[in-house]
PDB file of N, CA and C in Angstrom:
ATOM      1  N   MET A   1      17.823   4.560  16.507  1.00  0.00           N
ATOM      2  CA  MET A   1      17.595   4.651  15.078  1.00  0.00           C
ATOM      3  C   MET A   1      16.085   4.601  15.093  1.00  0.00           C
ATOM      4  N   GLY A   2      15.479   5.291  13.936  1.00  0.00           N
ATOM      5  CA  GLY A   2      13.903   5.167  13.813  1.00  0.00           C
ATOM      6  C   GLY A   2      13.506   3.880  12.919  1.00  0.00           C
ATOM      7  N   SER A   3      12.395   3.628  12.955  1.00  0.00           N
ATOM      8  CA  SER A   3      11.850   2.567  12.005  1.00  0.00           C
ATOM      9  C   SER A   3      11.966   2.717  10.577  1.00  0.00           C
ATOM     10  N   PRO A   4      12.599   1.992   9.723  1.00  0.00           N
ATOM     11  CA  PRO A   4      12.569   2.430   8.478  1.00  0.00           C
ATOM     12  C   PRO A   4      11.427   2.527   7.423  1.00  0.00           C
ATOM     13  N   TYR A   5      10.283   2.247   8.118  1.00  0.00           N
ATOM     14  CA  TYR A   5       9.009   2.418   7.639  1.00  0.00           C
ATOM     15  C   TYR A   5       8.314   3.388   8.219  1.00  0.00           C
ATOM     16  N   SER A   6       7.079   4.056   7.610  1.00  0.00           N
ATOM     17  CA  SER A   6       6.164   4.681   8.233  1.00  0.00           C
ATOM     18  C   SER A   6       4.641   4.347   8.118  1.00  0.00           C
ATOM     19  N   GLN A   7       3.874   4.683   8.741  1.00  0.00           N
ATOM     20  CA  GLN A   7       2.606   4.681   9.175  1.00  0.00           C
ATOM     21  C   GLN A   7       2.086   5.977   8.337  1.00  0.00           C
ATOM     22  N   ILE A   8       0.988   5.819   7.252  1.00  0.00           N
ATOM     23  CA  ILE A   8       0.464   7.121   6.829  1.00  0.00           C
ATOM     24  C   ILE A   8      -1.154   6.701   6.932  1.00  0.00           C
ATOM     25  N   THR A   9      -1.705   7.894   6.952  1.00  0.00           N
ATOM     26  CA  THR A   9      -3.162   7.933   6.935  1.00  0.00           C
ATOM     27  C   THR A   9      -3.491   8.039   5.304  1.00  0.00           C
ATOM     28  N   VAL A  10      -4.537   8.047   5.372  1.00  0.00           N
ATOM     29  CA  VAL A  10      -5.179   8.048   4.015  1.00  0.00           C
ATOM     30  C   VAL A  10      -5.291   9.536   3.434  1.00  0.00           C
ATOM     31  N   ALA A  11      -5.223  10.569   4.409  1.00  0.00           N
ATOM     32  CA  ALA A  11      -5.271  11.935   4.004  1.00  0.00           C
ATOM     33  C   ALA A  11      -3.703  12.318   3.564  1.00  0.00           C
ATOM     34  N   GLN A  12      -2.698  11.673   4.171  1.00  0.00           N
ATOM     35  CA  GLN A  12      -1.608  11.754   3.819  1.00  0.00           C
ATOM     36  C   GLN A  12      -0.946  11.273   2.525  1.00  0.00           C
ATOM     37  N   LEU A  13      -1.853  10.004   2.188  1.00  0.00           N
ATOM     38  CA  LEU A  13      -1.403   9.334   0.900  1.00  0.00           C
ATOM     39  C   LEU A  13      -2.130  10.428  -0.350  1.00  0.00           C
ATOM     40  N   GLN A  14      -3.292  10.620   0.116  1.00  0.00           N
ATOM     41  CA  GLN A  14      -4.045  11.791  -0.790  1.00  0.00           C
ATOM     42  C   GLN A  14      -3.242  12.862  -1.367  1.00  0.00           C
ATOM     43  N   THR A  15      -2.507  13.438  -0.412  1.00  0.00           N
ATOM     44  CA  THR A  15      -1.415  14.492  -0.525  1.00  0.00           C
ATOM     45  C   THR A  15      -0.494  13.944  -1.030  1.00  0.00           C
ATOM     46  N   MET A  16       0.327  13.037  -1.039  1.00  0.00           N
ATOM     47  CA  MET A  16       1.131  12.326  -2.050  1.00  0.00           C
ATOM     48  C   MET A  16       0.725  12.263  -3.167  1.00  0.00           C
ATOM     49  N   LEU A  17      -0.394  11.746  -3.419  1.00  0.00           N
ATOM     50  CA  LEU A  17      -0.821  11.384  -4.993  1.00  0.00           C
ATOM     51  C   LEU A  17      -1.067  12.893  -5.849  1.00  0.00           C
ATOM     52  N   GLN A  18      -1.671  13.860  -4.954  1.00  0.00           N
ATOM     53  CA  GLN A  18      -1.949  15.120  -5.731  1.00  0.00           C
ATOM     54  C   GLN A  18      -0.688  15.989  -5.521  1.00  0.00           C
ATOM     55  N   SER A  19       0.507  15.676  -5.219  1.00  0.00           N
ATOM     56  CA  SER A  19       1.658  16.613  -5.111  1.00  0.00           C
ATOM     57  C   SER A  19       2.216  17.255  -6.396  1.00  0.00           C
ATOM     58  N   GLY A  20       1.710  16.433  -7.309  1.00  0.00           N
ATOM     59  CA  GLY A  20       2.429  16.892  -8.674  1.00  0.00           C
ATOM     60  C   GLY A  20       3.923  16.388  -8.574  1.00  0.00           C
ATOM     61  N   ALA A  21       4.626  15.435  -7.892  1.00  0.00           N
ATOM     62  CA  ALA A  21       5.942  15.079  -7.779  1.00  0.00           C
ATOM     63  C   ALA A  21       6.098  14.173  -9.183  1.00  0.00           C
ATOM     64  N   GLU A  22       7.074  13.941  -9.398  1.00  0.00           N
ATOM     65  CA  GLU A  22       7.289  13.307 -10.875  1.00  0.00           C
ATOM     66  C   GLU A  22       7.198  11.964 -10.604  1.00  0.00           C
ATOM     67  N   GLU A  23       7.854  11.511  -9.579  1.00  0.00           N
ATOM     68  CA  GLU A  23       7.428   9.984  -9.108  1.00  0.00           C
ATOM     69  C   GLU A  23       6.511  10.048  -8.261  1.00  0.00           C
ATOM     70  N   LYS A  24       5.166   9.323  -8.443  1.00  0.00           N
ATOM     71  CA  LYS A  24       4.237   8.989  -7.325  1.00  0.00           C
ATOM     72  C   LYS A  24       4.632   7.740  -6.816  1.00  0.00           C
ATOM     73  N   PRO A  25       4.337   7.331  -5.569  1.00  0.00           N
ATOM     74  CA  PRO A  25       4.699   6.157  -4.678  1.00  0.00           C
ATOM     75  C   PRO A  25       4.164   5.063  -5.344  1.00  0.00           C
ATOM     76  N   HIS A  26       4.668   4.156  -5.670  1.00  0.00           N
ATOM     77  CA  HIS A  26       4.165   2.567  -5.634  1.00  0.00           C
ATOM     78  C   HIS A  26       3.216   2.164  -4.994  1.00  0.00           C
ATOM     79  N   LEU A  27       1.736   2.172  -5.399  1.00  0.00           N
ATOM     80  CA  LEU A  27       0.805   1.573  -4.528  1.00  0.00           C
ATOM     81  C   LEU A  27       0.853   0.028  -4.602  1.00  0.00           C
ATOM     82  N   LEU A  28       1.023  -0.569  -3.674  1.00  0.00           N
ATOM     83  CA  LEU A  28       1.165  -2.075  -3.832  1.00  0.00           C
ATOM     84  C   LEU A  28       0.034  -2.585  -2.611  1.00  0.00           C
ATOM     85  N   ASP A  29      -1.016  -2.951  -3.545  1.00  0.00           N
ATOM     86  CA  ASP A  29      -2.339  -3.637  -2.932  1.00  0.00           C
ATOM     87  C   ASP A  29      -1.913  -5.229  -2.804  1.00  0.00           C
ATOM     88  N   ILE A  30      -2.019  -5.738  -1.380  1.00  0.00           N
ATOM     89  CA  ILE A  30      -1.712  -6.848  -1.185  1.00  0.00           C
ATOM     90  C   ILE A  30      -2.727  -7.764  -0.983  1.00  0.00           C
ATOM     91  N   ARG A  31      -4.105  -7.299  -1.050  1.00  0.00           N
ATOM     92  CA  ARG A  31      -5.269  -8.045  -0.958  1.00  0.00           C
ATOM     93  C   ARG A  31      -5.671  -9.361  -1.873  1.00  0.00           C
ATOM     94  N   GLU A  32      -6.437 -10.221  -1.748  1.00  0.00           N
ATOM     95  CA  GLU A  32      -6.671 -11.098  -2.631  1.00  0.00           C
ATOM     96  C   GLU A  32      -7.479 -10.679  -3.767  1.00  0.00           C
ATOM     97  N   PRO A  33      -7.212 -11.160  -5.006  1.00  0.00           N
ATOM     98  CA  PRO A  33      -8.046 -10.791  -6.160  1.00  0.00           C
ATOM     99  C   PRO A  33      -9.524 -10.348  -6.090  1.00  0.00           C
ATOM    100  N   TRP A  34     -10.397 -11.122  -5.321  1.00  0.00           N
ATOM    101  CA  TRP A  34     -11.518 -11.133  -5.273  1.00  0.00           C
ATOM    102  C   TRP A  34     -11.990  -9.733  -4.343  1.00  0.00           C
ATOM    103  N   GLU A  35     -10.970  -9.270  -3.313  1.00  0.00           N
ATOM    104  CA  GLU A  35     -11.059  -8.113  -2.762  1.00  0.00           C
ATOM    105  C   GLU A  35     -10.707  -7.018  -3.914  1.00  0.00           C
ATOM    106  N   TRP A  36      -9.854  -7.040  -4.581  1.00  0.00           N
ATOM    107  CA  TRP A  36      -9.396  -6.253  -5.592  1.00  0.00           C
ATOM    108  C   TRP A  36     -10.652  -5.663  -6.449  1.00  0.00           C
ATOM    109  N   GLN A  37     -11.151  -6.766  -6.759  1.00  0.00           N
ATOM    110  CA  GLN A  37     -12.282  -6.566  -7.613  1.00  0.00           C
ATOM    111  C   GLN A  37     -13.777  -5.723  -7.049  1.00  0.00           C
ATOM    112  N   LEU A  38     -13.735  -6.124  -5.790  1.00  0.00           N
ATOM    113  CA  LEU A  38     -14.741  -5.416  -5.031  1.00  0.00           C
ATOM    114  C   LEU A  38     -14.541  -3.874  -4.959  1.00  0.00           C
ATOM    115  N   ALA A  39     -13.158  -3.518  -4.388  1.00  0.00           N
ATOM    116  CA  ALA A  39     -12.646  -2.049  -3.972  1.00  0.00           C
ATOM    117  C   ALA A  39     -11.080  -2.160  -4.095  1.00  0.00           C
ATOM    118  N   ARG A  40     -10.967  -0.687  -4.838  1.00  0.00           N
ATOM    119  CA  ARG A  40      -9.846  -0.447  -4.949  1.00  0.00           C
ATOM    120  C   ARG A  40      -9.054   0.912  -5.014  1.00  0.00           C
ATOM    121  N   ILE A  41      -7.811   1.471  -4.801  1.00  0.00           N
ATOM    122  CA  ILE A  41      -7.142   2.608  -5.042  1.00  0.00           C
ATOM    123  C   ILE A  41      -6.820   2.866  -6.344  1.00  0.00           C
ATOM    124  N   GLU A  42      -7.416   4.069  -7.136  1.00  0.00           N
ATOM    125  CA  GLU A  42      -6.948   3.711  -8.581  1.00  0.00           C
ATOM    126  C   GLU A  42      -5.752   4.165  -8.587  1.00  0.00           C
ATOM    127  N   GLY A  43      -4.658   3.349  -9.240  1.00  0.00           N
ATOM    128  CA  GLY A  43      -3.435   3.282  -9.646  1.00  0.00           C
ATOM    129  C   GLY A  43      -2.614   2.274  -8.749  1.00  0.00           C
ATOM    130  N   ALA A  44      -3.289   1.635  -7.973  1.00  0.00           N
ATOM    131  CA  ALA A  44      -2.770   0.662  -7.206  1.00  0.00           C
ATOM    132  C   ALA A  44      -2.623  -0.743  -8.013  1.00  0.00           C
ATOM    133  N   GLU A  45      -1.467  -1.188  -7.789  1.00  0.00           N
ATOM    134  CA  GLU A  45      -1.004  -2.741  -8.558  1.00  0.00           C
ATOM    135  C   GLU A  45      -1.699  -3.840  -7.553  1.00  0.00           C
ATOM    136  N   ASN A  46      -2.216  -4.582  -7.931  1.00  0.00           N
ATOM    137  CA  ASN A  46      -2.704  -6.105  -7.044  1.00  0.00           C
ATOM    138  C   ASN A  46      -1.546  -6.939  -7.077  1.00  0.00           C
ATOM    139  N   LEU A  47      -1.002  -7.135  -6.092  1.00  0.00           N
ATOM    140  CA  LEU A  47       0.159  -8.650  -5.745  1.00  0.00           C
ATOM    141  C   LEU A  47      -0.325  -8.960  -4.591  1.00  0.00           C
ATOM    142  N   PRO A  48      -1.287 -10.263  -4.659  1.00  0.00           N
ATOM    143  CA  PRO A  48      -1.576 -10.951  -3.142  1.00  0.00           C
ATOM    144  C   PRO A  48      -0.567 -11.269  -2.182  1.00  0.00           C
ATOM    145  N   MET A  49      -0.725 -11.033  -1.126  1.00  0.00           N
ATOM    146  CA  MET A  49       0.093 -11.338  -0.012  1.00  0.00           C
ATOM    147  C   MET A  49       1.124 -12.547  -0.088  1.00  0.00           C
ATOM    148  N   GLY A  50       0.305 -13.663  -0.549  1.00  0.00           N
ATOM    149  CA  GLY A  50       1.169 -14.930  -0.638  1.00  0.00           C
ATOM    150  C   GLY A  50       2.191 -15.068  -1.887  1.00  0.00           C
ATOM    151  N   GLN A  51       1.882 -14.127  -2.847  1.00  0.00           N
ATOM    152  CA  GLN A  51       2.799 -14.039  -3.972  1.00  0.00           C
ATOM    153  C   GLN A  51       4.039 -13.279  -3.806  1.00  0.00           C
ATOM    154  N   ILE A  52       4.122 -12.338  -2.702  1.00  0.00           N
ATOM    155  CA  ILE A  52       4.871 -11.607  -2.555  1.00  0.00           C
ATOM    156  C   ILE A  52       6.718 -12.083  -2.664  1.00  0.00           C
ATOM    157  N   PRO A  53       6.639 -13.104  -1.816  1.00  0.00           N
ATOM    158  CA  PRO A  53       8.183 -13.711  -1.919  1.00  0.00           C
ATOM    159  C   PRO A  53       8.554 -14.095  -3.250  1.00  0.00           C
ATOM    160  N   ALA A  54       7.688 -14.536  -4.375  1.00  0.00           N
ATOM    161  CA  ALA A  54       7.961 -14.966  -5.628  1.00  0.00           C
ATOM    162  C   ALA A  54       8.300 -13.822  -6.604  1.00  0.00           C
ATOM    163  N   HIS A  55       7.972 -12.676  -6.073  1.00  0.00           N
ATOM    164  CA  HIS A  55       8.012 -11.491  -7.000  1.00  0.00           C
ATOM    165  C   HIS A  55       8.823 -10.340  -6.355  1.00  0.00           C
ATOM    166  N   LEU A  56       9.599 -10.769  -5.441  1.00  0.00           N
ATOM    167  CA  LEU A  56      10.607  -9.734  -5.069  1.00  0.00           C
ATOM    168  C   LEU A  56      11.382  -8.861  -5.748  1.00  0.00           C
ATOM    169  N   ASP A  57      12.117  -9.780  -6.900  1.00  0.00           N
ATOM    170  CA  ASP A  57      12.970  -9.270  -7.924  1.00  0.00           C
ATOM    171  C   ASP A  57      12.044  -8.066  -8.719  1.00  0.00           C
ATOM    172  N   ASP A  58      10.843  -8.114  -9.021  1.00  0.00           N
ATOM    173  CA  ASP A  58       9.751  -7.272  -9.780  1.00  0.00           C
ATOM    174  C   ASP A  58       9.631  -6.098  -9.310  1.00  0.00           C
ATOM    175  N   LEU A  59       9.914  -6.052  -7.820  1.00  0.00           N
ATOM    176  CA  LEU A  59       9.868  -4.685  -6.923  1.00  0.00           C
ATOM    177  C   LEU A  59      10.813  -4.011  -6.570  1.00  0.00           C
ATOM    178  N   ASP A  60      11.156  -2.554  -6.807  1.00  0.00           N
ATOM    179  CA  ASP A  60      12.138  -1.585  -6.676  1.00  0.00           C
ATOM    180  C   ASP A  60      12.218  -1.317  -5.179  1.00  0.00           C
ATOM    181  N   LYS A  61      13.565  -1.858  -4.946  1.00  0.00           N
ATOM    182  CA  LYS A  61      13.793  -1.795  -3.115  1.00  0.00           C
ATOM    183  C   LYS A  61      13.780  -0.342  -2.394  1.00  0.00           C
ATOM    184  N   THR A  62      14.204   0.882  -3.721  1.00  0.00           N
ATOM    185  CA  THR A  62      14.323   1.807  -2.967  1.00  0.00           C
ATOM    186  C   THR A  62      13.346   2.926  -3.475  1.00  0.00           C
ATOM    187  N   ARG A  63      12.139   2.746  -4.234  1.00  0.00           N
ATOM    188  CA  ARG A  63      10.842   3.256  -4.482  1.00  0.00           C
ATOM    189  C   ARG A  63      10.382   3.575  -3.517  1.00  0.00           C
ATOM    190  N   SER A  64       9.763   4.710  -3.390  1.00  0.00           N
ATOM    191  CA  SER A  64       8.757   4.914  -2.222  1.00  0.00           C
ATOM    192  C   SER A  64       7.617   3.828  -2.516  1.00  0.00           C
ATOM    193  N   THR A  65       7.214   3.106  -1.538  1.00  0.00           N
ATOM    194  CA  THR A  65       5.982   1.869  -1.583  1.00  0.00           C
ATOM    195  C   THR A  65       5.004   2.196  -0.518  1.00  0.00           C
ATOM    196  N   VAL A  66       3.721   2.452  -1.061  1.00  0.00           N
ATOM    197  CA  VAL A  66       2.635   2.245   0.157  1.00  0.00           C
ATOM    198  C   VAL A  66       2.081   1.014   0.092  1.00  0.00           C
ATOM    199  N   VAL A  67       1.934   0.233   0.930  1.00  0.00           N
ATOM    200  CA  VAL A  67       1.315  -1.063   1.046  1.00  0.00           C
ATOM    201  C   VAL A  67      -0.026  -0.922   1.586  1.00  0.00           C
ATOM    202  N   ILE A  68      -0.884  -1.853   0.853  1.00  0.00           N
ATOM    203  CA  ILE A  68      -2.215  -1.266   1.022  1.00  0.00           C
ATOM    204  C   ILE A  68      -3.244  -2.800   1.399  1.00  0.00           C
ATOM    205  N   CYS A  69      -3.781  -2.874   2.296  1.00  0.00           N
ATOM    206  CA  CYS A  69      -4.918  -4.132   2.362  1.00  0.00           C
ATOM    207  C   CYS A  69      -6.467  -3.503   3.062  1.00  0.00           C
ATOM    208  N   HIS A  70      -6.971  -4.177   3.291  1.00  0.00           N
ATOM    209  CA  HIS A  70      -8.225  -3.900   3.819  1.00  0.00           C
ATOM    210  C   HIS A  70      -8.383  -2.754   4.866  1.00  0.00           C
ATOM    211  N   HIS A  71      -7.751  -3.298   6.108  1.00  0.00           N
ATOM    212  CA  HIS A  71      -7.717  -2.350   6.996  1.00  0.00           C
ATOM    213  C   HIS A  71      -6.445  -2.159   7.699  1.00  0.00           C
ATOM    214  N   GLY A  72      -5.294  -2.487   6.970  1.00  0.00           N
ATOM    215  CA  GLY A  72      -3.973  -2.272   7.480  1.00  0.00           C
ATOM    216  C   GLY A  72      -3.106  -3.012   8.531  1.00  0.00           C
ATOM    217  N   THR A  73      -3.800  -4.346   8.830  1.00  0.00           N
ATOM    218  CA  THR A  73      -3.245  -5.320   9.434  1.00  0.00           C
ATOM    219  C   THR A  73      -2.155  -6.247   8.439  1.00  0.00           C
ATOM    220  N   ARG A  74      -2.671  -6.613   7.414  1.00  0.00           N
ATOM    221  CA  ARG A  74      -1.799  -7.585   6.611  1.00  0.00           C
ATOM    222  C   ARG A  74      -0.777  -6.749   6.026  1.00  0.00           C
ATOM    223  N   SER A  75      -0.876  -5.683   5.290  1.00  0.00           N
ATOM    224  CA  SER A  75       0.078  -4.871   4.826  1.00  0.00           C
ATOM    225  C   SER A  75       1.060  -4.327   5.695  1.00  0.00           C
ATOM    226  N   LEU A  76       0.871  -4.218   7.145  1.00  0.00           N
ATOM    227  CA  LEU A  76       1.986  -4.395   8.044  1.00  0.00           C
ATOM    228  C   LEU A  76       2.743  -5.238   8.493  1.00  0.00           C
ATOM    229  N   GLN A  77       2.212  -6.660   8.074  1.00  0.00           N
ATOM    230  CA  GLN A  77       3.054  -7.658   8.170  1.00  0.00           C
ATOM    231  C   GLN A  77       4.066  -7.547   6.923  1.00  0.00           C
ATOM    232  N   VAL A  78       3.138  -7.375   5.695  1.00  0.00           N
ATOM    233  CA  VAL A  78       4.250  -7.543   4.411  1.00  0.00           C
ATOM    234  C   VAL A  78       5.188  -6.396   4.427  1.00  0.00           C
ATOM    235  N   VAL A  79       4.660  -5.134   4.895  1.00  0.00           N
ATOM    236  CA  VAL A  79       5.907  -3.845   5.110  1.00  0.00           C
ATOM    237  C   VAL A  79       7.165  -4.773   6.003  1.00  0.00           C
ATOM    238  N   ALA A  80       6.725  -5.296   6.991  1.00  0.00           N
ATOM    239  CA  ALA A  80       7.893  -5.872   7.837  1.00  0.00           C
ATOM    240  C   ALA A  80       8.898  -6.684   7.329  1.00  0.00           C
ATOM    241  N   PHE A  81       8.043  -7.874   6.548  1.00  0.00           N
ATOM    242  CA  PHE A  81       8.356  -8.695   5.595  1.00  0.00           C
ATOM    243  C   PHE A  81       9.609  -8.010   4.462  1.00  0.00           C
ATOM    244  N   LEU A  82       8.987  -6.943   3.973  1.00  0.00           N
ATOM    245  CA  LEU A  82       9.929  -6.322   2.734  1.00  0.00           C
ATOM    246  C   LEU A  82      11.091  -5.513   3.298  1.00  0.00           C
ATOM    247  N   GLN A  83      10.780  -5.012   4.647  1.00  0.00           N
ATOM    248  CA  GLN A  83      11.925  -4.351   5.171  1.00  0.00           C
ATOM    249  C   GLN A  83      13.462  -5.300   5.484  1.00  0.00           C
ATOM    250  N   ARG A  84      12.899  -6.434   5.776  1.00  0.00           N
ATOM    251  CA  ARG A  84      13.797  -7.753   6.194  1.00  0.00           C
ATOM    252  C   ARG A  84      14.463  -8.093   4.787  1.00  0.00           C
ATOM    253  N   GLN A  85      13.789  -7.794   3.645  1.00  0.00           N
ATOM    254  CA  GLN A  85      14.408  -7.901   2.298  1.00  0.00           C
ATOM    255  C   GLN A  85      15.191  -7.043   1.828  1.00  0.00           C
ATOM    256  N   GLY A  86      15.370  -5.700   2.351  1.00  0.00           N
ATOM    257  CA  GLY A  86      16.106  -5.000   2.010  1.00  0.00           C
ATOM    258  C   GLY A  86      15.370  -3.489   1.578  1.00  0.00           C
ATOM    259  N   PHE A  87      14.113  -3.754   1.518  1.00  0.00           N
ATOM    260  CA  PHE A  87      13.468  -2.555   1.031  1.00  0.00           C
ATOM    261  C   PHE A  87      13.664  -1.510   2.165  1.00  0.00           C
ATOM    262  N   THR A  88      13.940  -0.025   1.480  1.00  0.00           N
ATOM    263  CA  THR A  88      14.100   1.041   2.360  1.00  0.00           C
ATOM    264  C   THR A  88      12.983   2.512   2.449  1.00  0.00           C
ATOM    265  N   ASN A  89      12.143   2.270   1.619  1.00  0.00           N
ATOM    266  CA  ASN A  89      11.210   3.447   1.331  1.00  0.00           C
ATOM    267  C   ASN A  89       9.699   2.814   1.570  1.00  0.00           C
ATOM    268  N   LEU A  90       9.371   2.284   2.928  1.00  0.00           N
ATOM    269  CA  LEU A  90       7.992   1.695   2.530  1.00  0.00           C
ATOM    270  C   LEU A  90       7.018   2.339   3.705  1.00  0.00           C
ATOM    271  N   HIS A  91       5.745   2.336   3.388  1.00  0.00           N
ATOM    272  CA  HIS A  91       4.762   3.271   4.275  1.00  0.00           C
ATOM    273  C   HIS A  91       3.521   2.192   4.118  1.00  0.00           C
ATOM    274  N   ASN A  92       2.948   2.021   5.286  1.00  0.00           N
ATOM    275  CA  ASN A  92       2.014   1.276   5.658  1.00  0.00           C
ATOM    276  C   ASN A  92       0.682   2.234   5.507  1.00  0.00           C
ATOM    277  N   LEU A  93      -0.476   1.891   4.895  1.00  0.00           N
ATOM    278  CA  LEU A  93      -1.587   2.488   4.781  1.00  0.00           C
ATOM    279  C   LEU A  93      -2.412   2.354   5.904  1.00  0.00           C
ATOM    280  N   GLN A  94      -2.365   3.220   6.763  1.00  0.00           N
ATOM    281  CA  GLN A  94      -3.350   3.016   8.214  1.00  0.00           C
ATOM    282  C   GLN A  94      -4.995   2.751   7.573  1.00  0.00           C
ATOM    283  N   GLY A  95      -5.543   1.938   8.194  1.00  0.00           N
ATOM    284  CA  GLY A  95      -7.104   1.909   7.974  1.00  0.00           C
ATOM    285  C   GLY A  95      -7.422   1.420   6.388  1.00  0.00           C
ATOM    286  N   GLY A  96      -6.175   1.172   5.662  1.00  0.00           N
ATOM    287  CA  GLY A  96      -6.349   0.383   4.075  1.00  0.00           C
ATOM    288  C   GLY A  96      -7.426   1.194   3.468  1.00  0.00           C
ATOM    289  N   VAL A  97      -7.987   0.392   2.607  1.00  0.00           N
ATOM    290  CA  VAL A  97      -8.765   0.702   1.411  1.00  0.00           C
ATOM    291  C   VAL A  97      -9.929   0.964   2.266  1.00  0.00           C
ATOM    292  N   ASP A  98     -10.589   0.620   3.312  1.00  0.00           N
ATOM    293  CA  ASP A  98     -11.838   0.655   4.211  1.00  0.00           C
ATOM    294  C   ASP A  98     -11.829   2.141   4.823  1.00  0.00           C
ATOM    295  N   ALA A  99     -10.544   2.593   5.030  1.00  0.00           N
ATOM    296  CA  ALA A  99     -10.466   3.892   5.452  1.00  0.00           C
ATOM    297  C   ALA A  99     -10.286   5.044   4.491  1.00  0.00           C
ATOM    298  N   TRP A 100     -10.028   4.631   3.141  1.00  0.00           N
ATOM    299  CA  TRP A 100      -9.928   5.380   1.894  1.00  0.00           C
ATOM    300  C   TRP A 100     -11.169   5.463   1.348  1.00  0.00           C
ATOM    301  N   SER A 101     -12.184   4.482   1.490  1.00  0.00           N
ATOM    302  CA  SER A 101     -13.588   4.754   1.196  1.00  0.00           C
ATOM    303  C   SER A 101     -14.161   5.589   2.162  1.00  0.00           C
ATOM    304  N   ARG A 102     -14.050   5.450   3.544  1.00  0.00           N
ATOM    305  CA  ARG A 102     -14.574   6.210   4.286  1.00  0.00           C
ATOM    306  C   ARG A 102     -14.380   7.855   4.219  1.00  0.00           C
ATOM    307  N   GLU A 103     -12.981   8.233   4.220  1.00  0.00           N
ATOM    308  CA  GLU A 103     -12.421   9.348   4.088  1.00  0.00           C
ATOM    309  C   GLU A 103     -12.445  10.104   3.104  1.00  0.00           C
ATOM    310  N   ILE A 104     -11.690   9.619   1.983  1.00  0.00           N
ATOM    311  CA  ILE A 104     -11.226  10.029   0.742  1.00  0.00           C
ATOM    312  C   ILE A 104     -12.406  10.065  -0.452  1.00  0.00           C
ATOM    313  N   ASP A 105     -12.594   8.647  -0.488  1.00  0.00           N
ATOM    314  CA  ASP A 105     -13.391   8.395  -1.883  1.00  0.00           C
ATOM    315  C   ASP A 105     -14.573   7.496  -1.751  1.00  0.00           C
ATOM    316  N   PRO A 106     -15.459   8.153  -1.500  1.00  0.00           N
ATOM    317  CA  PRO A 106     -16.916   7.153  -1.080  1.00  0.00           C
ATOM    318  C   PRO A 106     -17.483   6.169  -2.306  1.00  0.00           C
ATOM    319  N   THR A 107     -16.789   6.448  -3.647  1.00  0.00           N
ATOM    320  CA  THR A 107     -16.950   5.648  -4.747  1.00  0.00           C
ATOM    321  C   THR A 107     -16.657   4.182  -4.675  1.00  0.00           C
ATOM    322  N   VAL A 108     -15.597   4.194  -3.537  1.00  0.00           N
ATOM    323  CA  VAL A 108     -14.788   3.051  -3.636  1.00  0.00           C
ATOM    324  C   VAL A 108     -15.950   2.348  -2.401  1.00  0.00           C
ATOM    325  N   ALA A 109     -16.009   0.970  -2.975  1.00  0.00           N
ATOM    326  CA  ALA A 109     -17.223   0.159  -1.978  1.00  0.00           C
ATOM    327  C   ALA A 109     -16.552  -0.230  -1.024  1.00  0.00           C
ATOM    328  N   LEU A 110     -17.480  -0.105   0.259  1.00  0.00           N
ATOM    329  CA  LEU A 110     -16.987  -0.738   1.602  1.00  0.00           C
ATOM    330  C   LEU A 110     -17.359  -2.313   1.572  1.00  0.00           C
ATOM    331  N   TYR A 111     -16.709  -3.078   2.120  1.00  0.00           N
ATOM    332  CA  TYR A 111     -17.072  -4.531   2.085  1.00  0.00           C
ATOM    333  C   TYR A 111     -16.587  -5.242   3.459  1.00  0.00           C
TER     334      TYR A 111
END
């Protein structure tokens, strides 16, 4: 049995966001508010990593969700946590906001 989540690249995310599909993936940015203020992917929701357990009921367990952090390490931990809570359609953004800025949108600040 394969893993219930996937690693996606920033190019794959860009394709998902531009696909014209009715339901876009939920972009869940789990960085701290100060990081969110510096740089973010348009349309993402900021919910810091430490607040995720208290907000599980606010998240849709079946909706396609892309978890985002600075480089993809914290988001991988959150994906594993959400997976254990029964979430079924999770994606970890490889390289995080840093890769998004370098490869997709240079207007997003590097930090």
